[in-house]
Amino acid sequence: MSQELLASLETLASGLDHPEAIALAPDGFSLWCGGEAGQIYRIDIADGRLSEVANTGGFLLGVALDADGNVYACNLGETSSIVRVDPASGEVAPYCATADGGPLAVPNWAAFATDGALWFTDSGTESLDVRDGRLIRVAPGGGDGEVMSRSALHFPNGMCVSANDEIFVLETLTPRLSRLVGRDLETIVELPGHSPDGLALCADGGFIVSCYYPFRILYVPPEGGRFETLIDDVTGIHLPMPTNTAFYGPGLRSLAIASLGGQVIKSVDLGITGARLNYPRIS
């Protein structure tokens, strides 16, 4: 299956500046992603047309959208923060720049819960010997975040929030997928030999994991404990450094894949249906 799916990859949009993040808008008509120089891009799903809507001035990591289509972006810069982008005007406004009163290090990926709270990973250092990553919750409306993980994490990266507000998170440097139980993490599956980056929830309760290295797309079943390699690009030509993914299209059957090592968004039908994201209305 891996080679068949690799061969079926298509280019959905091109001309991007090394996109890391990608997320589906609530109306289902567009995908939003970022660039390494702060670009906020909109991709029209119907024709792949790309437009730059705003610029945050930093290195764009994760993005999430609310019910009104506002974009919440993890902005890595001189002052790392979560910013809110008005899709109509392109205005960039601060949303969260601190957690428990202290600065953010590497806000990496964000996802909404049904109550309007924005959850995000703050990855910390990439040192193999240091665990200083955090999982943070920001109340609706923004402001100072609250650290929700009791123990420091080893470069927490992609995450997702289910329709019943279960929190799932990947750690890259101790490669594993976990769920938050209280303020502790419960391992779902270990991912040895991988650098997992992006996480998307499937309709069956399973997970799509995109790996920064090796260049792979994995499927983890709902019960965890094991994983399946769906796509493996051993050449690095077709899917260089896949970071984050987003289900889109009729029935959420197509998967858009952002590649930090390239300038395109790829698309593939995995034969798997995605779960709808939470799109709360934020006052």
C-alpha atoms as a PDB file:
ATOM      1  CA  MET A   1       0.000   0.000   0.000  1.00  0.00           C
ATOM      2  CA  SER A   2       2.837   2.420   0.818  1.00  0.00           C
ATOM      3  CA  GLN A   3       4.123   2.582  -2.767  1.00  0.00           C
ATOM      4  CA  GLU A   4       0.612   2.809  -4.260  1.00  0.00           C
ATOM      5  CA  LEU A   5      -0.283   5.768  -2.052  1.00  0.00           C
ATOM      6  CA  LEU A   6       3.064   7.436  -2.696  1.00  0.00           C
ATOM      7  CA  ALA A   7       2.399   7.195  -6.432  1.00  0.00           C
ATOM      8  CA  SER A   8      -1.106   8.654  -6.001  1.00  0.00           C
ATOM      9  CA  LEU A   9       0.103  11.861  -4.317  1.00  0.00           C
ATOM     10  CA  GLU A  10      -1.055  14.983  -6.164  1.00  0.00           C
ATOM     11  CA  THR A  11      -0.035  18.625  -5.865  1.00  0.00           C
ATOM     12  CA  LEU A  12      -2.888  20.650  -4.408  1.00  0.00           C
ATOM     13  CA  ALA A  13      -1.078  24.022  -4.324  1.00  0.00           C
ATOM     14  CA  SER A  14       2.409  25.266  -5.160  1.00  0.00           C
ATOM     15  CA  GLY A  15       4.552  28.353  -4.636  1.00  0.00           C
ATOM     16  CA  LEU A  16       4.504  28.312  -0.825  1.00  0.00           C
ATOM     17  CA  ASP A  17       7.473  29.195   1.370  1.00  0.00           C
ATOM     18  CA  HIS A  18       8.209  25.878   3.125  1.00  0.00           C
ATOM     19  CA  PRO A  19       4.817  25.381   4.816  1.00  0.00           C
ATOM     20  CA  GLU A  20       4.723  23.606   8.166  1.00  0.00           C
ATOM     21  CA  ALA A  21       1.073  23.995   9.182  1.00  0.00           C
ATOM     22  CA  ILE A  22      -2.221  23.347   7.455  1.00  0.00           C
ATOM     23  CA  ALA A  23      -5.847  23.490   8.650  1.00  0.00           C
ATOM     24  CA  LEU A  24      -9.307  23.395   7.086  1.00  0.00           C
ATOM     25  CA  ALA A  25     -11.583  26.438   7.339  1.00  0.00           C
ATOM     26  CA  PRO A  26     -15.002  25.901   8.978  1.00  0.00           C
ATOM     27  CA  ASP A  27     -16.861  26.427   5.687  1.00  0.00           C
ATOM     28  CA  GLY A  28     -14.846  23.621   4.088  1.00  0.00           C
ATOM     29  CA  PHE A  29     -13.937  25.696   1.025  1.00  0.00           C
ATOM     30  CA  SER A  30     -10.376  26.654   1.886  1.00  0.00           C
ATOM     31  CA  LEU A  31      -7.229  25.417   3.585  1.00  0.00           C
ATOM     32  CA  TRP A  32      -4.976  27.734   5.598  1.00  0.00           C
ATOM     33  CA  CYS A  33      -1.259  27.332   6.107  1.00  0.00           C
ATOM     34  CA  GLY A  34       1.861  29.325   6.907  1.00  0.00           C
ATOM     35  CA  GLY A  35       5.328  30.073   5.586  1.00  0.00           C
ATOM     36  CA  GLU A  36       8.741  30.314   7.168  1.00  0.00           C
ATOM     37  CA  ALA A  37       8.787  34.127   6.821  1.00  0.00           C
ATOM     38  CA  GLY A  38       5.456  34.670   8.592  1.00  0.00           C
ATOM     39  CA  GLN A  39       3.121  34.259   5.629  1.00  0.00           C
ATOM     40  CA  ILE A  40      -0.515  33.291   6.236  1.00  0.00           C
ATOM     41  CA  TYR A  41      -1.776  31.577   3.089  1.00  0.00           C
ATOM     42  CA  ARG A  42      -5.286  30.716   1.931  1.00  0.00           C
ATOM     43  CA  ILE A  43      -5.721  27.876  -0.568  1.00  0.00           C
ATOM     44  CA  ASP A  44      -8.953  27.672  -2.530  1.00  0.00           C
ATOM     45  CA  ILE A  45      -9.766  23.959  -2.553  1.00  0.00           C
ATOM     46  CA  ALA A  46     -11.729  24.125  -5.801  1.00  0.00           C
ATOM     47  CA  ASP A  47      -8.848  25.326  -7.966  1.00  0.00           C
ATOM     48  CA  GLY A  48      -5.727  25.341  -5.753  1.00  0.00           C
ATOM     49  CA  ARG A  49      -5.430  29.117  -6.053  1.00  0.00           C
ATOM     50  CA  LEU A  50      -3.029  30.487  -3.438  1.00  0.00           C
ATOM     51  CA  SER A  51      -3.198  33.928  -1.820  1.00  0.00           C
ATOM     52  CA  GLU A  52      -1.163  35.518   0.966  1.00  0.00           C
ATOM     53  CA  VAL A  53      -3.652  37.060   3.395  1.00  0.00           C
ATOM     54  CA  ALA A  54      -1.350  38.331   6.138  1.00  0.00           C
ATOM     55  CA  ASN A  55       2.154  38.217   7.565  1.00  0.00           C
ATOM     56  CA  THR A  56       3.013  37.734  11.233  1.00  0.00           C
ATOM     57  CA  GLY A  57       6.677  38.668  10.874  1.00  0.00           C
ATOM     58  CA  GLY A  58       7.877  35.405  12.407  1.00  0.00           C
ATOM     59  CA  PHE A  59       8.278  31.743  11.488  1.00  0.00           C
ATOM     60  CA  LEU A  60       4.784  30.264  11.181  1.00  0.00           C
ATOM     61  CA  LEU A  61       4.198  26.928  12.899  1.00  0.00           C
ATOM     62  CA  GLY A  62       0.663  25.674  13.695  1.00  0.00           C
ATOM     63  CA  VAL A  63      -2.669  27.242  12.734  1.00  0.00           C
ATOM     64  CA  ALA A  64      -6.243  26.752  13.962  1.00  0.00           C
ATOM     65  CA  LEU A  65      -9.511  28.458  13.005  1.00  0.00           C
ATOM     66  CA  ASP A  66     -12.652  29.454  14.896  1.00  0.00           C
ATOM     67  CA  ALA A  67     -16.276  29.444  13.696  1.00  0.00           C
ATOM     68  CA  ASP A  68     -15.893  32.884  12.087  1.00  0.00           C
ATOM     69  CA  GLY A  69     -12.787  31.864  10.147  1.00  0.00           C
ATOM     70  CA  ASN A  70     -10.305  33.803  12.269  1.00  0.00           C
ATOM     71  CA  VAL A  71      -6.868  32.217  12.141  1.00  0.00           C
ATOM     72  CA  TYR A  72      -4.885  31.526  15.330  1.00  0.00           C
ATOM     73  CA  ALA A  73      -1.225  31.085  14.465  1.00  0.00           C
ATOM     74  CA  CYS A  74       1.755  29.821  16.429  1.00  0.00           C
ATOM     75  CA  ASN A  75       4.294  32.529  15.667  1.00  0.00           C
ATOM     76  CA  LEU A  76       7.946  31.854  16.406  1.00  0.00           C
ATOM     77  CA  GLY A  77       9.802  35.157  16.530  1.00  0.00           C
ATOM     78  CA  GLU A  78      11.590  37.668  18.701  1.00  0.00           C
ATOM     79  CA  THR A  79       8.637  37.332  21.080  1.00  0.00           C
ATOM     80  CA  SER A  80       7.032  33.946  20.456  1.00  0.00           C
ATOM     81  CA  SER A  81       3.273  33.964  20.811  1.00  0.00           C
ATOM     82  CA  ILE A  82      -0.134  32.927  19.537  1.00  0.00           C
ATOM     83  CA  VAL A  83      -1.569  35.626  17.275  1.00  0.00           C
ATOM     84  CA  ARG A  84      -5.064  36.049  15.889  1.00  0.00           C
ATOM     85  CA  VAL A  85      -5.445  36.954  12.202  1.00  0.00           C
ATOM     86  CA  ASP A  86      -8.561  38.537  10.709  1.00  0.00           C
ATOM     87  CA  PRO A  87      -9.014  36.768   7.345  1.00  0.00           C
ATOM     88  CA  ALA A  88     -10.822  39.758   5.807  1.00  0.00           C
ATOM     89  CA  SER A  89      -8.450  42.579   6.746  1.00  0.00           C
ATOM     90  CA  GLY A  90      -5.242  40.641   7.400  1.00  0.00           C
ATOM     91  CA  GLU A  91      -4.899  42.359  10.773  1.00  0.00           C
ATOM     92  CA  VAL A  92      -2.629  40.477  13.188  1.00  0.00           C
ATOM     93  CA  ALA A  93      -3.423  40.837  16.902  1.00  0.00           C
ATOM     94  CA  PRO A  94      -1.871  39.256  20.014  1.00  0.00           C
ATOM     95  CA  TYR A  95      -3.814  36.399  21.610  1.00  0.00           C
ATOM     96  CA  CYS A  96      -1.440  34.651  24.027  1.00  0.00           C
ATOM     97  CA  ALA A  97       2.190  35.516  24.780  1.00  0.00           C
ATOM     98  CA  THR A  98       2.663  33.961  28.232  1.00  0.00           C
ATOM     99  CA  ALA A  99       1.779  30.871  30.264  1.00  0.00           C
ATOM    100  CA  ASP A 100       1.580  30.907  34.058  1.00  0.00           C
ATOM    101  CA  GLY A 101       2.979  34.428  33.784  1.00  0.00           C
ATOM    102  CA  GLY A 102       6.171  33.462  31.947  1.00  0.00           C
ATOM    103  CA  PRO A 103       7.199  33.695  28.274  1.00  0.00           C
ATOM    104  CA  LEU A 104       6.545  31.079  25.627  1.00  0.00           C
ATOM    105  CA  ALA A 105       9.479  29.239  24.064  1.00  0.00           C
ATOM    106  CA  VAL A 106       8.272  27.477  20.901  1.00  0.00           C
ATOM    107  CA  PRO A 107       4.478  27.578  20.466  1.00  0.00           C
ATOM    108  CA  ASN A 108       4.152  24.806  17.926  1.00  0.00           C
ATOM    109  CA  TRP A 109       0.624  23.541  17.279  1.00  0.00           C
ATOM    110  CA  ALA A 110      -2.823  24.669  18.423  1.00  0.00           C
ATOM    111  CA  ALA A 111      -6.313  23.160  18.463  1.00  0.00           C
ATOM    112  CA  PHE A 112      -9.668  24.296  19.836  1.00  0.00           C
ATOM    113  CA  ALA A 113     -11.793  22.500  22.397  1.00  0.00           C
ATOM    114  CA  THR A 114     -15.581  22.707  22.166  1.00  0.00           C
ATOM    115  CA  ASP A 115     -15.763  25.298  24.979  1.00  0.00           C
ATOM    116  CA  GLY A 116     -13.643  27.770  22.979  1.00  0.00           C
ATOM    117  CA  ALA A 117     -10.417  27.144  24.884  1.00  0.00           C
ATOM    118  CA  LEU A 118      -7.341  27.016  22.677  1.00  0.00           C
ATOM    119  CA  TRP A 119      -4.852  24.289  23.533  1.00  0.00           C
ATOM    120  CA  PHE A 120      -1.305  24.382  22.217  1.00  0.00           C
ATOM    121  CA  THR A 121       2.089  22.762  22.600  1.00  0.00           C
ATOM    122  CA  ASP A 122       5.072  24.826  23.711  1.00  0.00           C
ATOM    123  CA  SER A 123       7.897  22.574  22.552  1.00  0.00           C
ATOM    124  CA  GLY A 124      10.853  23.984  24.474  1.00  0.00           C
ATOM    125  CA  THR A 125      14.415  23.114  23.504  1.00  0.00           C
ATOM    126  CA  GLU A 126      15.423  20.520  20.896  1.00  0.00           C
ATOM    127  CA  SER A 127      18.153  19.155  23.173  1.00  0.00           C
ATOM    128  CA  LEU A 128      18.039  15.377  23.541  1.00  0.00           C
ATOM    129  CA  ASP A 129      18.994  15.767  27.210  1.00  0.00           C
ATOM    130  CA  VAL A 130      16.435  18.386  28.244  1.00  0.00           C
ATOM    131  CA  ARG A 131      12.701  17.972  28.779  1.00  0.00           C
ATOM    132  CA  ASP A 132      11.074  21.364  29.110  1.00  0.00           C
ATOM    133  CA  GLY A 133       8.060  21.183  26.788  1.00  0.00           C
ATOM    134  CA  ARG A 134       4.569  22.078  27.964  1.00  0.00           C
ATOM    135  CA  LEU A 135       0.911  21.628  27.070  1.00  0.00           C
ATOM    136  CA  ILE A 136      -0.983  24.904  27.532  1.00  0.00           C
ATOM    137  CA  ARG A 137      -4.656  25.935  27.653  1.00  0.00           C
ATOM    138  CA  VAL A 138      -5.826  29.475  26.853  1.00  0.00           C
ATOM    139  CA  ALA A 139      -9.300  30.495  27.982  1.00  0.00           C
ATOM    140  CA  PRO A 140     -11.715  31.824  25.312  1.00  0.00           C
ATOM    141  CA  GLY A 141     -10.735  35.389  24.441  1.00  0.00           C
ATOM    142  CA  GLY A 142      -7.005  34.882  24.959  1.00  0.00           C
ATOM    143  CA  GLY A 143      -4.540  36.146  27.548  1.00  0.00           C
ATOM    144  CA  ASP A 144      -2.182  34.310  29.862  1.00  0.00           C
ATOM    145  CA  GLY A 145      -2.246  30.551  29.307  1.00  0.00           C
ATOM    146  CA  GLU A 146      -2.319  27.821  31.924  1.00  0.00           C
ATOM    147  CA  VAL A 147       0.208  24.980  31.852  1.00  0.00           C
ATOM    148  CA  MET A 148      -1.837  21.765  31.916  1.00  0.00           C
ATOM    149  CA  SER A 149       0.897  19.104  31.841  1.00  0.00           C
ATOM    150  CA  ARG A 150       2.180  18.086  35.248  1.00  0.00           C
ATOM    151  CA  SER A 151       5.521  16.792  33.955  1.00  0.00           C
ATOM    152  CA  ALA A 152       7.830  18.433  31.421  1.00  0.00           C
ATOM    153  CA  LEU A 153       7.514  16.899  27.960  1.00  0.00           C
ATOM    154  CA  HIS A 154      10.196  15.971  25.431  1.00  0.00           C
ATOM    155  CA  PHE A 155       9.495  18.410  22.576  1.00  0.00           C
ATOM    156  CA  PRO A 156       5.689  18.158  22.366  1.00  0.00           C
ATOM    157  CA  ASN A 157       4.696  18.892  18.802  1.00  0.00           C
ATOM    158  CA  GLY A 158       1.454  18.041  16.968  1.00  0.00           C
ATOM    159  CA  MET A 159      -1.753  17.670  18.949  1.00  0.00           C
ATOM    160  CA  CYS A 160      -5.517  17.406  18.484  1.00  0.00           C
ATOM    161  CA  VAL A 161      -8.720  17.733  20.493  1.00  0.00           C
ATOM    162  CA  SER A 162     -11.619  15.343  19.894  1.00  0.00           C
ATOM    163  CA  ALA A 163     -15.325  16.221  19.718  1.00  0.00           C
ATOM    164  CA  ASN A 164     -15.649  15.147  23.353  1.00  0.00           C
ATOM    165  CA  ASP A 165     -12.608  17.204  24.343  1.00  0.00           C
ATOM    166  CA  GLU A 166     -10.028  14.474  24.745  1.00  0.00           C
ATOM    167  CA  ILE A 167      -6.529  15.921  24.323  1.00  0.00           C
ATOM    168  CA  PHE A 168      -3.908  13.992  22.342  1.00  0.00           C
ATOM    169  CA  VAL A 169      -0.288  15.016  21.843  1.00  0.00           C
ATOM    170  CA  LEU A 170       2.871  13.834  20.095  1.00  0.00           C
ATOM    171  CA  GLU A 171       6.339  14.080  21.574  1.00  0.00           C
ATOM    172  CA  THR A 172       9.052  14.210  18.942  1.00  0.00           C
ATOM    173  CA  LEU A 173      12.261  13.479  20.849  1.00  0.00           C
ATOM    174  CA  THR A 174      10.833  10.663  22.945  1.00  0.00           C
ATOM    175  CA  PRO A 175       8.692   9.576  20.016  1.00  0.00           C
ATOM    176  CA  ARG A 176       5.220   8.642  21.185  1.00  0.00           C
ATOM    177  CA  LEU A 177       1.534   9.511  21.014  1.00  0.00           C
ATOM    178  CA  SER A 178      -0.273  10.109  24.316  1.00  0.00           C
ATOM    179  CA  ARG A 179      -3.592  11.293  25.727  1.00  0.00           C
ATOM    180  CA  LEU A 180      -3.939  13.736  28.603  1.00  0.00           C
ATOM    181  CA  VAL A 181      -5.537  12.162  31.666  1.00  0.00           C
ATOM    182  CA  GLY A 182      -5.978  14.757  34.363  1.00  0.00           C
ATOM    183  CA  ARG A 183      -2.609  16.486  34.122  1.00  0.00           C
ATOM    184  CA  ASP A 184      -0.616  13.394  33.221  1.00  0.00           C
ATOM    185  CA  LEU A 185       0.081  11.747  29.877  1.00  0.00           C
ATOM    186  CA  GLU A 186      -0.962   8.174  29.151  1.00  0.00           C
ATOM    187  CA  THR A 187       0.952   6.579  26.262  1.00  0.00           C
ATOM    188  CA  ILE A 188      -1.145   5.281  23.354  1.00  0.00           C
ATOM    189  CA  VAL A 189       1.730   4.100  21.160  1.00  0.00           C
ATOM    190  CA  GLU A 190       5.502   4.374  21.067  1.00  0.00           C
ATOM    191  CA  LEU A 191       6.994   5.420  17.713  1.00  0.00           C
ATOM    192  CA  PRO A 192      10.642   4.308  17.832  1.00  0.00           C
ATOM    193  CA  GLY A 193      12.819   5.296  14.899  1.00  0.00           C
ATOM    194  CA  HIS A 194      10.562   8.222  13.955  1.00  0.00           C
ATOM    195  CA  SER A 195      10.404  11.968  14.543  1.00  0.00           C
ATOM    196  CA  PRO A 196       6.628  12.428  14.700  1.00  0.00           C
ATOM    197  CA  ASP A 197       5.460  15.959  13.930  1.00  0.00           C
ATOM    198  CA  GLY A 198       1.782  16.293  12.935  1.00  0.00           C
ATOM    199  CA  LEU A 199      -1.366  14.668  14.287  1.00  0.00           C
ATOM    200  CA  ALA A 200      -4.838  14.408  12.763  1.00  0.00           C
ATOM    201  CA  LEU A 201      -7.836  12.586  14.226  1.00  0.00           C
ATOM    202  CA  CYS A 202      -9.765  10.092  12.091  1.00  0.00           C
ATOM    203  CA  ALA A 203     -13.524   9.471  12.211  1.00  0.00           C
ATOM    204  CA  ASP A 204     -12.933   5.942  13.526  1.00  0.00           C
ATOM    205  CA  GLY A 205     -11.008   7.322  16.524  1.00  0.00           C
ATOM    206  CA  GLY A 206      -7.630   6.478  15.034  1.00  0.00           C
ATOM    207  CA  PHE A 207      -4.843   8.913  14.184  1.00  0.00           C
ATOM    208  CA  ILE A 208      -2.785  10.048  11.219  1.00  0.00           C
ATOM    209  CA  VAL A 209       0.798  10.831  12.257  1.00  0.00           C
ATOM    210  CA  SER A 210       3.076  12.694   9.854  1.00  0.00           C
ATOM    211  CA  CYS A 211       6.778  12.211  10.474  1.00  0.00           C
ATOM    212  CA  TYR A 212       9.391  14.876   9.887  1.00  0.00           C
ATOM    213  CA  TYR A 213      11.866  12.011   9.586  1.00  0.00           C
ATOM    214  CA  PRO A 214      11.818   9.455   8.052  1.00  0.00           C
ATOM    215  CA  PHE A 215       9.416  10.952   5.488  1.00  0.00           C
ATOM    216  CA  ARG A 216       6.399   8.866   6.414  1.00  0.00           C
ATOM    217  CA  ILE A 217       2.663   9.003   7.065  1.00  0.00           C
ATOM    218  CA  LEU A 218       1.499   6.566   9.751  1.00  0.00           C
ATOM    219  CA  TYR A 219      -1.889   5.322  10.933  1.00  0.00           C
ATOM    220  CA  VAL A 220      -2.456   4.513  14.610  1.00  0.00           C
ATOM    221  CA  PRO A 221      -5.672   2.583  15.396  1.00  0.00           C
ATOM    222  CA  PRO A 222      -8.012   3.785  18.175  1.00  0.00           C
ATOM    223  CA  GLU A 223      -6.782   1.157  20.619  1.00  0.00           C
ATOM    224  CA  GLY A 224      -3.156   2.161  20.008  1.00  0.00           C
ATOM    225  CA  GLY A 225      -0.308  -0.182  20.785  1.00  0.00           C
ATOM    226  CA  ARG A 226       0.817  -0.433  17.168  1.00  0.00           C
ATOM    227  CA  PHE A 227       0.982   1.604  13.982  1.00  0.00           C
ATOM    228  CA  GLU A 228       0.884   1.078  10.213  1.00  0.00           C
ATOM    229  CA  THR A 229       3.059   2.847   7.641  1.00  0.00           C
ATOM    230  CA  LEU A 230       0.761   4.234   4.937  1.00  0.00           C
ATOM    231  CA  ILE A 231       3.292   6.258   2.929  1.00  0.00           C
ATOM    232  CA  ASP A 232       7.077   5.951   2.995  1.00  0.00           C
ATOM    233  CA  ASP A 233       9.080   8.315   0.772  1.00  0.00           C
ATOM    234  CA  VAL A 234      12.560   6.840   1.009  1.00  0.00           C
ATOM    235  CA  THR A 235      13.864   9.173  -1.716  1.00  0.00           C
ATOM    236  CA  GLY A 236      12.629  12.405  -0.116  1.00  0.00           C
ATOM    237  CA  ILE A 237      11.542  13.604  -3.551  1.00  0.00           C
ATOM    238  CA  HIS A 238       7.775  13.312  -3.294  1.00  0.00           C
ATOM    239  CA  LEU A 239       7.123  14.208   0.345  1.00  0.00           C
ATOM    240  CA  PRO A 240      10.115  16.034   1.870  1.00  0.00           C
ATOM    241  CA  MET A 241       9.745  16.601   5.611  1.00  0.00           C
ATOM    242  CA  PRO A 242       5.972  16.132   6.013  1.00  0.00           C
ATOM    243  CA  THR A 243       4.948  18.137   9.046  1.00  0.00           C
ATOM    244  CA  ASN A 244       1.189  18.580   9.457  1.00  0.00           C
ATOM    245  CA  THR A 245      -1.907  17.271   7.718  1.00  0.00           C
ATOM    246  CA  ALA A 246      -5.579  18.195   7.390  1.00  0.00           C
ATOM    247  CA  PHE A 247      -8.572  16.216   6.169  1.00  0.00           C
ATOM    248  CA  TYR A 248     -10.732  18.073   3.656  1.00  0.00           C
ATOM    249  CA  GLY A 249     -13.139  17.664   0.746  1.00  0.00           C
ATOM    250  CA  PRO A 250     -16.393  15.677   0.452  1.00  0.00           C
ATOM    251  CA  GLY A 251     -16.798  13.484   3.495  1.00  0.00           C
ATOM    252  CA  LEU A 252     -13.345  14.583   4.735  1.00  0.00           C
ATOM    253  CA  ARG A 253     -11.838  11.811   2.630  1.00  0.00           C
ATOM    254  CA  SER A 254      -8.843  13.692   1.222  1.00  0.00           C
ATOM    255  CA  LEU A 255      -5.703  14.465   3.192  1.00  0.00           C
ATOM    256  CA  ALA A 256      -3.672  17.634   2.582  1.00  0.00           C
ATOM    257  CA  ILE A 257      -0.025  17.348   3.608  1.00  0.00           C
ATOM    258  CA  ALA A 258       2.292  20.267   4.370  1.00  0.00           C
ATOM    259  CA  SER A 259       5.996  19.721   3.733  1.00  0.00           C
ATOM    260  CA  LEU A 260       8.510  21.939   5.484  1.00  0.00           C
ATOM    261  CA  GLY A 261      11.154  20.729   3.058  1.00  0.00           C
ATOM    262  CA  GLY A 262       9.200  21.755  -0.041  1.00  0.00           C
ATOM    263  CA  GLN A 263       7.101  24.515  -1.541  1.00  0.00           C
ATOM    264  CA  VAL A 264       3.894  22.614  -2.170  1.00  0.00           C
ATOM    265  CA  ILE A 265       0.874  21.134  -0.436  1.00  0.00           C
ATOM    266  CA  LYS A 266       0.303  17.544  -1.503  1.00  0.00           C
ATOM    267  CA  SER A 267      -2.996  15.670  -1.442  1.00  0.00           C
ATOM    268  CA  VAL A 268      -3.922  11.993  -1.240  1.00  0.00           C
ATOM    269  CA  ASP A 269      -6.950   9.785  -0.621  1.00  0.00           C
ATOM    270  CA  LEU A 270      -5.904   7.312   2.067  1.00  0.00           C
ATOM    271  CA  GLY A 271      -9.256   5.540   2.115  1.00  0.00           C
ATOM    272  CA  ILE A 272      -9.708   6.943   5.638  1.00  0.00           C
ATOM    273  CA  THR A 273     -12.293   9.482   6.778  1.00  0.00           C
ATOM    274  CA  GLY A 274     -11.200  12.374   8.961  1.00  0.00           C
ATOM    275  CA  ALA A 275     -12.898  13.717  12.080  1.00  0.00           C
ATOM    276  CA  ARG A 276     -14.285  17.246  11.940  1.00  0.00           C
ATOM    277  CA  LEU A 277     -12.297  19.830  13.890  1.00  0.00           C
ATOM    278  CA  ASN A 278     -13.830  21.915  16.659  1.00  0.00           C
ATOM    279  CA  TYR A 279     -14.771  25.414  15.430  1.00  0.00           C
ATOM    280  CA  PRO A 280     -16.084  27.352  18.449  1.00  0.00           C
ATOM    281  CA  ARG A 281     -17.362  30.906  18.233  1.00  0.00           C
ATOM    282  CA  ILE A 282     -14.991  33.177  20.169  1.00  0.00           C
ATOM    283  CA  SER A 283     -16.409  36.486  21.435  1.00  0.00           C
END
